[in-house]
Amino acid sequence: MIAHSSKKVKEGKIMTVEVDFDDFIKNVKISGDFFLHPEEVLNDMEKSFVGLKKDVSFDTLVIKIHNIVESHDAQMIGISPESMALVIKEALK
């Protein structure tokens, strides 16, 4: 199943998520008008969600995103780990 979610997050930017999943996440594509530096970190984030159960918790997503941002010394501008996790969870409903 492929599902989409698009939302203007509390930080003011728009984020769109496309998730291909059955019982587990097969693929995730994240886009929007937010900034993430370095940009390649987004690919690592998307790959990190593959294999997670479709009912993954909000907190698990937030921690995963936060850890990737921290390990790459990346900057999220116009989006937060919490907002990103929220849009992903909405797509998985």
PDB file of N, CA and C in Angstrom:
ATOM      1  N   MET A   1       0.849  -1.184   0.000  1.00  0.00           N
ATOM      2  CA  MET A   1       0.000   0.000   0.000  1.00  0.00           C
ATOM      3  C   MET A   1       0.888   1.238   0.000  1.00  0.00           C
ATOM      4  N   ILE A   2       0.525   2.198  -0.815  1.00  0.00           N
ATOM      5  CA  ILE A   2       1.240   3.473  -0.834  1.00  0.00           C
ATOM      6  C   ILE A   2       0.301   4.546  -0.287  1.00  0.00           C
ATOM      7  N   ALA A   3       0.782   5.284   0.708  1.00  0.00           N
ATOM      8  CA  ALA A   3      -0.017   6.330   1.338  1.00  0.00           C
ATOM      9  C   ALA A   3       0.770   7.640   1.336  1.00  0.00           C
ATOM     10  N   HIS A   4       0.026   8.731   1.371  1.00  0.00           N
ATOM     11  CA  HIS A   4       0.630  10.064   1.368  1.00  0.00           C
ATOM     12  C   HIS A   4       0.090  10.881   2.537  1.00  0.00           C
ATOM     13  N   SER A   5       0.906  11.819   2.962  1.00  0.00           N
ATOM     14  CA  SER A   5       0.467  12.818   3.924  1.00  0.00           C
ATOM     15  C   SER A   5       1.219  14.098   3.623  1.00  0.00           C
ATOM     16  N   SER A   6       0.505  15.203   3.662  1.00  0.00           N
ATOM     17  CA  SER A   6       1.122  16.505   3.437  1.00  0.00           C
ATOM     18  C   SER A   6       0.555  17.464   4.472  1.00  0.00           C
ATOM     19  N   LYS A   7       1.442  18.215   5.102  1.00  0.00           N
ATOM     20  CA  LYS A   7       0.990  19.067   6.199  1.00  0.00           C
ATOM     21  C   LYS A   7       1.898  20.280   6.342  1.00  0.00           C
ATOM     22  N   LYS A   8       1.298  21.398   6.693  1.00  0.00           N
ATOM     23  CA  LYS A   8       2.075  22.562   7.094  1.00  0.00           C
ATOM     24  C   LYS A   8       2.371  22.363   8.572  1.00  0.00           C
ATOM     25  N   VAL A   9       3.652  22.192   8.886  1.00  0.00           N
ATOM     26  CA  VAL A   9       4.039  21.882  10.258  1.00  0.00           C
ATOM     27  C   VAL A   9       4.116  23.148  11.103  1.00  0.00           C
ATOM     28  N   LYS A  10       4.207  22.962  12.414  1.00  0.00           N
ATOM     29  CA  LYS A  10       4.177  24.107  13.337  1.00  0.00           C
ATOM     30  C   LYS A  10       5.323  25.083  13.118  1.00  0.00           C
ATOM     31  N   GLU A  11       6.427  24.601  12.521  1.00  0.00           N
ATOM     32  CA  GLU A  11       7.564  25.493  12.237  1.00  0.00           C
ATOM     33  C   GLU A  11       7.319  26.345  10.997  1.00  0.00           C
ATOM     34  N   GLY A  12       6.195  26.111  10.300  1.00  0.00           N
ATOM     35  CA  GLY A  12       5.781  26.967   9.199  1.00  0.00           C
ATOM     36  C   GLY A  12       6.055  26.442   7.798  1.00  0.00           C
ATOM     37  N   LYS A  13       6.709  25.321   7.670  1.00  0.00           N
ATOM     38  CA  LYS A  13       7.030  24.773   6.355  1.00  0.00           C
ATOM     39  C   LYS A  13       6.088  23.628   6.014  1.00  0.00           C
ATOM     40  N   ILE A  14       6.055  23.273   4.723  1.00  0.00           N
ATOM     41  CA  ILE A  14       5.218  22.175   4.268  1.00  0.00           C
ATOM     42  C   ILE A  14       6.073  20.932   4.103  1.00  0.00           C
ATOM     43  N   MET A  15       5.562  19.815   4.587  1.00  0.00           N
ATOM     44  CA  MET A  15       6.261  18.542   4.457  1.00  0.00           C
ATOM     45  C   MET A  15       5.305  17.534   3.852  1.00  0.00           C
ATOM     46  N   THR A  16       5.809  16.767   2.892  1.00  0.00           N
ATOM     47  CA  THR A  16       5.038  15.722   2.240  1.00  0.00           C
ATOM     48  C   THR A  16       5.776  14.405   2.401  1.00  0.00           C
ATOM     49  N   VAL A  17       5.024  13.364   2.729  1.00  0.00           N
ATOM     50  CA  VAL A  17       5.597  12.038   2.919  1.00  0.00           C
ATOM     51  C   VAL A  17       4.820  11.045   2.057  1.00  0.00           C
ATOM     52  N   GLU A  18       5.558  10.186   1.360  1.00  0.00           N
ATOM     53  CA  GLU A  18       4.973   9.055   0.649  1.00  0.00           C
ATOM     54  C   GLU A  18       5.580   7.802   1.258  1.00  0.00           C
ATOM     55  N   VAL A  19       4.720   6.895   1.727  1.00  0.00           N
ATOM     56  CA  VAL A  19       5.185   5.673   2.378  1.00  0.00           C
ATOM     57  C   VAL A  19       4.589   4.464   1.666  1.00  0.00           C
ATOM     58  N   ASP A  20       5.447   3.525   1.312  1.00  0.00           N
ATOM     59  CA  ASP A  20       5.029   2.242   0.763  1.00  0.00           C
ATOM     60  C   ASP A  20       5.196   1.230   1.899  1.00  0.00           C
ATOM     61  N   PHE A  21       4.084   0.577   2.280  1.00  0.00           N
ATOM     62  CA  PHE A  21       4.153  -0.338   3.417  1.00  0.00           C
ATOM     63  C   PHE A  21       3.090  -1.417   3.324  1.00  0.00           C
ATOM     64  N   ASP A  22       3.340  -2.503   4.034  1.00  0.00           N
ATOM     65  CA  ASP A  22       2.321  -3.508   4.331  1.00  0.00           C
ATOM     66  C   ASP A  22       2.352  -3.631   5.849  1.00  0.00           C
ATOM     67  N   ASP A  23       2.856  -4.726   6.392  1.00  0.00           N
ATOM     68  CA  ASP A  23       3.045  -4.799   7.842  1.00  0.00           C
ATOM     69  C   ASP A  23       4.296  -4.035   8.265  1.00  0.00           C
ATOM     70  N   PHE A  24       5.218  -3.867   7.320  1.00  0.00           N
ATOM     71  CA  PHE A  24       6.469  -3.162   7.548  1.00  0.00           C
ATOM     72  C   PHE A  24       6.650  -2.079   6.488  1.00  0.00           C
ATOM     73  N   ILE A  25       7.410  -1.052   6.824  1.00  0.00           N
ATOM     74  CA  ILE A  25       7.698   0.028   5.887  1.00  0.00           C
ATOM     75  C   ILE A  25       8.688  -0.484   4.844  1.00  0.00           C
ATOM     76  N   LYS A  26       8.325  -0.311   3.565  1.00  0.00           N
ATOM     77  CA  LYS A  26       9.171  -0.752   2.454  1.00  0.00           C
ATOM     78  C   LYS A  26       9.986   0.402   1.865  1.00  0.00           C
ATOM     79  N   ASN A  27       9.381   1.582   1.843  1.00  0.00           N
ATOM     80  CA  ASN A  27      10.052   2.738   1.254  1.00  0.00           C
ATOM     81  C   ASN A  27       9.401   4.013   1.785  1.00  0.00           C
ATOM     82  N   VAL A  28      10.209   5.054   1.945  1.00  0.00           N
ATOM     83  CA  VAL A  28       9.719   6.358   2.390  1.00  0.00           C
ATOM     84  C   VAL A  28      10.363   7.430   1.516  1.00  0.00           C
ATOM     85  N   LYS A  29       9.558   8.379   1.073  1.00  0.00           N
ATOM     86  CA  LYS A  29      10.062   9.531   0.332  1.00  0.00           C
ATOM     87  C   LYS A  29       9.549  10.782   1.028  1.00  0.00           C
ATOM     88  N   ILE A  30      10.472  11.630   1.462  1.00  0.00           N
ATOM     89  CA  ILE A  30      10.138  12.856   2.187  1.00  0.00           C
ATOM     90  C   ILE A  30      10.532  14.054   1.334  1.00  0.00           C
ATOM     91  N   SER A  31       9.622  15.009   1.227  1.00  0.00           N
ATOM     92  CA  SER A  31       9.925  16.233   0.494  1.00  0.00           C
ATOM     93  C   SER A  31       9.205  17.401   1.167  1.00  0.00           C
ATOM     94  N   GLY A  32       9.514  18.600   0.725  1.00  0.00           N
ATOM     95  CA  GLY A  32       8.865  19.782   1.276  1.00  0.00           C
ATOM     96  C   GLY A  32       9.710  21.013   1.095  1.00  0.00           C
ATOM     97  N   ASP A  33       9.245  22.111   1.666  1.00  0.00           N
ATOM     98  CA  ASP A  33       9.976  23.370   1.517  1.00  0.00           C
ATOM     99  C   ASP A  33      10.839  23.693   2.735  1.00  0.00           C
ATOM    100  N   PHE A  34      11.147  22.673   3.507  1.00  0.00           N
ATOM    101  CA  PHE A  34      12.054  22.824   4.646  1.00  0.00           C
ATOM    102  C   PHE A  34      13.494  22.635   4.169  1.00  0.00           C
ATOM    103  N   PHE A  35      14.440  22.913   5.044  1.00  0.00           N
ATOM    104  CA  PHE A  35      15.858  22.751   4.708  1.00  0.00           C
ATOM    105  C   PHE A  35      16.509  21.774   5.668  1.00  0.00           C
ATOM    106  N   LEU A  36      17.383  20.961   5.129  1.00  0.00           N
ATOM    107  CA  LEU A  36      18.154  20.010   5.911  1.00  0.00           C
ATOM    108  C   LEU A  36      19.570  20.045   5.353  1.00  0.00           C
ATOM    109  N   HIS A  37      20.517  20.416   6.206  1.00  0.00           N
ATOM    110  CA  HIS A  37      21.911  20.522   5.758  1.00  0.00           C
ATOM    111  C   HIS A  37      22.779  19.586   6.564  1.00  0.00           C
ATOM    112  N   PRO A  38      23.602  18.756   5.977  1.00  0.00           N
ATOM    113  CA  PRO A  38      23.704  18.540   4.530  1.00  0.00           C
ATOM    114  C   PRO A  38      22.484  17.770   4.004  1.00  0.00           C
ATOM    115  N   GLU A  39      22.138  18.021   2.750  1.00  0.00           N
ATOM    116  CA  GLU A  39      20.938  17.456   2.137  1.00  0.00           C
ATOM    117  C   GLU A  39      20.947  15.933   2.094  1.00  0.00           C
ATOM    118  N   GLU A  40      22.129  15.331   2.005  1.00  0.00           N
ATOM    119  CA  GLU A  40      22.234  13.875   1.895  1.00  0.00           C
ATOM    120  C   GLU A  40      21.674  13.165   3.130  1.00  0.00           C
ATOM    121  N   VAL A  41      21.569  13.871   4.227  1.00  0.00           N
ATOM    122  CA  VAL A  41      21.061  13.283   5.463  1.00  0.00           C
ATOM    123  C   VAL A  41      19.621  12.794   5.267  1.00  0.00           C
ATOM    124  N   LEU A  42      18.870  13.462   4.414  1.00  0.00           N
ATOM    125  CA  LEU A  42      17.489  13.060   4.162  1.00  0.00           C
ATOM    126  C   LEU A  42      17.439  11.632   3.614  1.00  0.00           C
ATOM    127  N   ASN A  43      18.357  11.275   2.726  1.00  0.00           N
ATOM    128  CA  ASN A  43      18.406   9.904   2.198  1.00  0.00           C
ATOM    129  C   ASN A  43      18.658   8.898   3.312  1.00  0.00           C
ATOM    130  N   ASP A  44      19.566   9.238   4.225  1.00  0.00           N
ATOM    131  CA  ASP A  44      19.841   8.349   5.353  1.00  0.00           C
ATOM    132  C   ASP A  44      18.607   8.186   6.237  1.00  0.00           C
ATOM    133  N   MET A  45      17.868   9.272   6.428  1.00  0.00           N
ATOM    134  CA  MET A  45      16.643   9.200   7.225  1.00  0.00           C
ATOM    135  C   MET A  45      15.633   8.276   6.566  1.00  0.00           C
ATOM    136  N   GLU A  46      15.406   8.500   5.276  1.00  0.00           N
ATOM    137  CA  GLU A  46      14.425   7.687   4.556  1.00  0.00           C
ATOM    138  C   GLU A  46      14.786   6.199   4.642  1.00  0.00           C
ATOM    139  N   LYS A  47      16.052   5.882   4.457  1.00  0.00           N
ATOM    140  CA  LYS A  47      16.501   4.485   4.521  1.00  0.00           C
ATOM    141  C   LYS A  47      16.352   3.913   5.929  1.00  0.00           C
ATOM    142  N   SER A  48      16.498   4.756   6.946  1.00  0.00           N
ATOM    143  CA  SER A  48      16.436   4.266   8.327  1.00  0.00           C
ATOM    144  C   SER A  48      15.035   3.804   8.723  1.00  0.00           C
ATOM    145  N   PHE A  49      14.013   4.248   7.995  1.00  0.00           N
ATOM    146  CA  PHE A  49      12.639   3.863   8.315  1.00  0.00           C
ATOM    147  C   PHE A  49      12.254   2.521   7.699  1.00  0.00           C
ATOM    148  N   VAL A  50      12.991   2.107   6.667  1.00  0.00           N
ATOM    149  CA  VAL A  50      12.679   0.845   5.981  1.00  0.00           C
ATOM    150  C   VAL A  50      12.865  -0.325   6.956  1.00  0.00           C
ATOM    151  N   GLY A  51      11.855  -1.178   7.004  1.00  0.00           N
ATOM    152  CA  GLY A  51      11.904  -2.336   7.888  1.00  0.00           C
ATOM    153  C   GLY A  51      11.189  -2.137   9.216  1.00  0.00           C
ATOM    154  N   LEU A  52      10.857  -0.881   9.531  1.00  0.00           N
ATOM    155  CA  LEU A  52      10.111  -0.638  10.770  1.00  0.00           C
ATOM    156  C   LEU A  52       8.675  -1.119  10.603  1.00  0.00           C
ATOM    157  N   LYS A  53       8.051  -1.535  11.701  1.00  0.00           N
ATOM    158  CA  LYS A  53       6.649  -1.935  11.650  1.00  0.00           C
ATOM    159  C   LYS A  53       5.789  -0.720  11.302  1.00  0.00           C
ATOM    160  N   LYS A  54       4.679  -0.982  10.623  1.00  0.00           N
ATOM    161  CA  LYS A  54       3.800   0.127  10.234  1.00  0.00           C
ATOM    162  C   LYS A  54       3.216   0.847  11.440  1.00  0.00           C
ATOM    163  N   ASP A  55       3.162   0.176  12.588  1.00  0.00           N
ATOM    164  CA  ASP A  55       2.626   0.816  13.791  1.00  0.00           C
ATOM    165  C   ASP A  55       3.751   1.311  14.714  1.00  0.00           C
ATOM    166  N   VAL A  56       4.879   1.651  14.113  1.00  0.00           N
ATOM    167  CA  VAL A  56       6.011   2.192  14.868  1.00  0.00           C
ATOM    168  C   VAL A  56       5.527   3.389  15.699  1.00  0.00           C
ATOM    169  N   SER A  57       6.068   3.534  16.880  1.00  0.00           N
ATOM    170  CA  SER A  57       5.613   4.618  17.752  1.00  0.00           C
ATOM    171  C   SER A  57       6.176   5.970  17.309  1.00  0.00           C
ATOM    172  N   PHE A  58       5.436   6.998  17.655  1.00  0.00           N
ATOM    173  CA  PHE A  58       5.868   8.377  17.397  1.00  0.00           C
ATOM    174  C   PHE A  58       7.230   8.617  18.035  1.00  0.00           C
ATOM    175  N   ASP A  59       7.380   8.179  19.288  1.00  0.00           N
ATOM    176  CA  ASP A  59       8.638   8.402  20.008  1.00  0.00           C
ATOM    177  C   ASP A  59       9.818   7.714  19.334  1.00  0.00           C
ATOM    178  N   THR A  60       9.604   6.519  18.819  1.00  0.00           N
ATOM    179  CA  THR A  60      10.677   5.806  18.120  1.00  0.00           C
ATOM    180  C   THR A  60      11.119   6.579  16.887  1.00  0.00           C
ATOM    181  N   LEU A  61      10.170   7.119  16.144  1.00  0.00           N
ATOM    182  CA  LEU A  61      10.504   7.920  14.961  1.00  0.00           C
ATOM    183  C   LEU A  61      11.283   9.171  15.357  1.00  0.00           C
ATOM    184  N   VAL A  62      10.822   9.859  16.386  1.00  0.00           N
ATOM    185  CA  VAL A  62      11.498  11.079  16.835  1.00  0.00           C
ATOM    186  C   VAL A  62      12.942  10.768  17.227  1.00  0.00           C
ATOM    187  N   ILE A  63      13.140   9.708  18.002  1.00  0.00           N
ATOM    188  CA  ILE A  63      14.490   9.336  18.438  1.00  0.00           C
ATOM    189  C   ILE A  63      15.368   8.991  17.244  1.00  0.00           C
ATOM    190  N   LYS A  64      14.832   8.225  16.294  1.00  0.00           N
ATOM    191  CA  LYS A  64      15.583   7.830  15.101  1.00  0.00           C
ATOM    192  C   LYS A  64      16.014   9.071  14.304  1.00  0.00           C
ATOM    193  N   ILE A  65      15.083   9.991  14.086  1.00  0.00           N
ATOM    194  CA  ILE A  65      15.384  11.220  13.333  1.00  0.00           C
ATOM    195  C   ILE A  65      16.427  12.048  14.087  1.00  0.00           C
ATOM    196  N   HIS A  66      16.199  12.232  15.373  1.00  0.00           N
ATOM    197  CA  HIS A  66      17.122  13.018  16.195  1.00  0.00           C
ATOM    198  C   HIS A  66      18.536  12.422  16.158  1.00  0.00           C
ATOM    199  N   ASN A  67      18.642  11.110  16.281  1.00  0.00           N
ATOM    200  CA  ASN A  67      19.948  10.455  16.271  1.00  0.00           C
ATOM    201  C   ASN A  67      20.669  10.629  14.941  1.00  0.00           C
ATOM    202  N   ILE A  68      19.934  10.559  13.839  1.00  0.00           N
ATOM    203  CA  ILE A  68      20.554  10.747  12.523  1.00  0.00           C
ATOM    204  C   ILE A  68      21.037  12.184  12.366  1.00  0.00           C
ATOM    205  N   VAL A  69      20.217  13.136  12.771  1.00  0.00           N
ATOM    206  CA  VAL A  69      20.610  14.554  12.686  1.00  0.00           C
ATOM    207  C   VAL A  69      21.864  14.790  13.523  1.00  0.00           C
ATOM    208  N   GLU A  70      21.863  14.262  14.735  1.00  0.00           N
ATOM    209  CA  GLU A  70      22.997  14.451  15.630  1.00  0.00           C
ATOM    210  C   GLU A  70      24.271  13.774  15.106  1.00  0.00           C
ATOM    211  N   SER A  71      24.139  12.543  14.613  1.00  0.00           N
ATOM    212  CA  SER A  71      25.327  11.806  14.153  1.00  0.00           C
ATOM    213  C   SER A  71      25.948  12.413  12.900  1.00  0.00           C
ATOM    214  N   HIS A  72      25.161  13.154  12.119  1.00  0.00           N
ATOM    215  CA  HIS A  72      25.678  13.814  10.916  1.00  0.00           C
ATOM    216  C   HIS A  72      25.966  15.299  11.157  1.00  0.00           C
ATOM    217  N   ASP A  73      25.781  15.746  12.395  1.00  0.00           N
ATOM    218  CA  ASP A  73      25.935  17.157  12.730  1.00  0.00           C
ATOM    219  C   ASP A  73      25.143  18.020  11.742  1.00  0.00           C
ATOM    220  N   ALA A  74      23.909  17.591  11.490  1.00  0.00           N
ATOM    221  CA  ALA A  74      23.052  18.253  10.499  1.00  0.00           C
ATOM    222  C   ALA A  74      22.194  19.329  11.155  1.00  0.00           C
ATOM    223  N   GLN A  75      21.645  20.188  10.316  1.00  0.00           N
ATOM    224  CA  GLN A  75      20.732  21.227  10.775  1.00  0.00           C
ATOM    225  C   GLN A  75      19.391  21.048  10.094  1.00  0.00           C
ATOM    226  N   MET A  76      18.333  21.093  10.880  1.00  0.00           N
ATOM    227  CA  MET A  76      16.967  21.078  10.355  1.00  0.00           C
ATOM    228  C   MET A  76      16.441  22.504  10.460  1.00  0.00           C
ATOM    229  N   ILE A  77      16.029  23.056   9.331  1.00  0.00           N
ATOM    230  CA  ILE A  77      15.528  24.431   9.299  1.00  0.00           C
ATOM    231  C   ILE A  77      14.093  24.397   8.772  1.00  0.00           C
ATOM    232  N   GLY A  78      13.162  24.870   9.582  1.00  0.00           N
ATOM    233  CA  GLY A  78      11.759  24.890   9.187  1.00  0.00           C
ATOM    234  C   GLY A  78      11.036  23.581   9.462  1.00  0.00           C
ATOM    235  N   ILE A  79      11.688  22.698  10.180  1.00  0.00           N
ATOM    236  CA  ILE A  79      11.098  21.401  10.532  1.00  0.00           C
ATOM    237  C   ILE A  79      11.815  20.879  11.772  1.00  0.00           C
ATOM    238  N   SER A  80      11.149  20.007  12.512  1.00  0.00           N
ATOM    239  CA  SER A  80      11.756  19.400  13.696  1.00  0.00           C
ATOM    240  C   SER A  80      11.585  17.887  13.608  1.00  0.00           C
ATOM    241  N   PRO A  81      12.336  17.139  14.393  1.00  0.00           N
ATOM    242  CA  PRO A  81      12.118  15.691  14.418  1.00  0.00           C
ATOM    243  C   PRO A  81      10.675  15.328  14.782  1.00  0.00           C
ATOM    244  N   GLU A  82      10.086  16.084  15.702  1.00  0.00           N
ATOM    245  CA  GLU A  82       8.712  15.821  16.118  1.00  0.00           C
ATOM    246  C   GLU A  82       7.721  16.059  14.973  1.00  0.00           C
ATOM    247  N   SER A  83       7.905  17.153  14.237  1.00  0.00           N
ATOM    248  CA  SER A  83       7.005  17.444  13.115  1.00  0.00           C
ATOM    249  C   SER A  83       7.158  16.413  12.001  1.00  0.00           C
ATOM    250  N   MET A  84       8.388  16.014  11.737  1.00  0.00           N
ATOM    251  CA  MET A  84       8.634  15.014  10.705  1.00  0.00           C
ATOM    252  C   MET A  84       7.974  13.690  11.102  1.00  0.00           C
ATOM    253  N   ALA A  85       8.133  13.286  12.355  1.00  0.00           N
ATOM    254  CA  ALA A  85       7.529  12.041  12.836  1.00  0.00           C
ATOM    255  C   ALA A  85       6.005  12.099  12.748  1.00  0.00           C
ATOM    256  N   LEU A  86       5.425  13.251  13.044  1.00  0.00           N
ATOM    257  CA  LEU A  86       3.979  13.419  12.986  1.00  0.00           C
ATOM    258  C   LEU A  86       3.451  13.176  11.574  1.00  0.00           C
ATOM    259  N   VAL A  87       4.102  13.750  10.578  1.00  0.00           N
ATOM    260  CA  VAL A  87       3.640  13.598   9.186  1.00  0.00           C
ATOM    261  C   VAL A  87       3.830  12.150   8.723  1.00  0.00           C
ATOM    262  N   ILE A  88       4.906  11.519   9.139  1.00  0.00           N
ATOM    263  CA  ILE A  88       5.133  10.104   8.797  1.00  0.00           C
ATOM    264  C   ILE A  88       4.035   9.239   9.415  1.00  0.00           C
ATOM    265  N   LYS A  89       3.727   9.479  10.689  1.00  0.00           N
ATOM    266  CA  LYS A  89       2.673   8.710  11.356  1.00  0.00           C
ATOM    267  C   LYS A  89       1.315   8.904  10.663  1.00  0.00           C
ATOM    268  N   GLU A  90       1.022  10.127  10.225  1.00  0.00           N
ATOM    269  CA  GLU A  90      -0.227  10.377   9.525  1.00  0.00           C
ATOM    270  C   GLU A  90      -0.303   9.579   8.224  1.00  0.00           C
ATOM    271  N   ALA A  91       0.817   9.465   7.524  1.00  0.00           N
ATOM    272  CA  ALA A  91       0.833   8.699   6.282  1.00  0.00           C
ATOM    273  C   ALA A  91       0.632   7.207   6.540  1.00  0.00           C
ATOM    274  N   LEU A  92       1.036   6.734   7.690  1.00  0.00           N
ATOM    275  CA  LEU A  92       0.926   5.311   8.030  1.00  0.00           C
ATOM    276  C   LEU A  92      -0.444   4.906   8.552  1.00  0.00           C
ATOM    277  N   LYS A  93      -1.344   5.856   8.719  1.00  0.00           N
ATOM    278  CA  LYS A  93      -2.689   5.531   9.255  1.00  0.00           C
ATOM    279  C   LYS A  93      -3.521   4.830   8.204  1.00  0.00           C
TER     280      LYS A  93
END
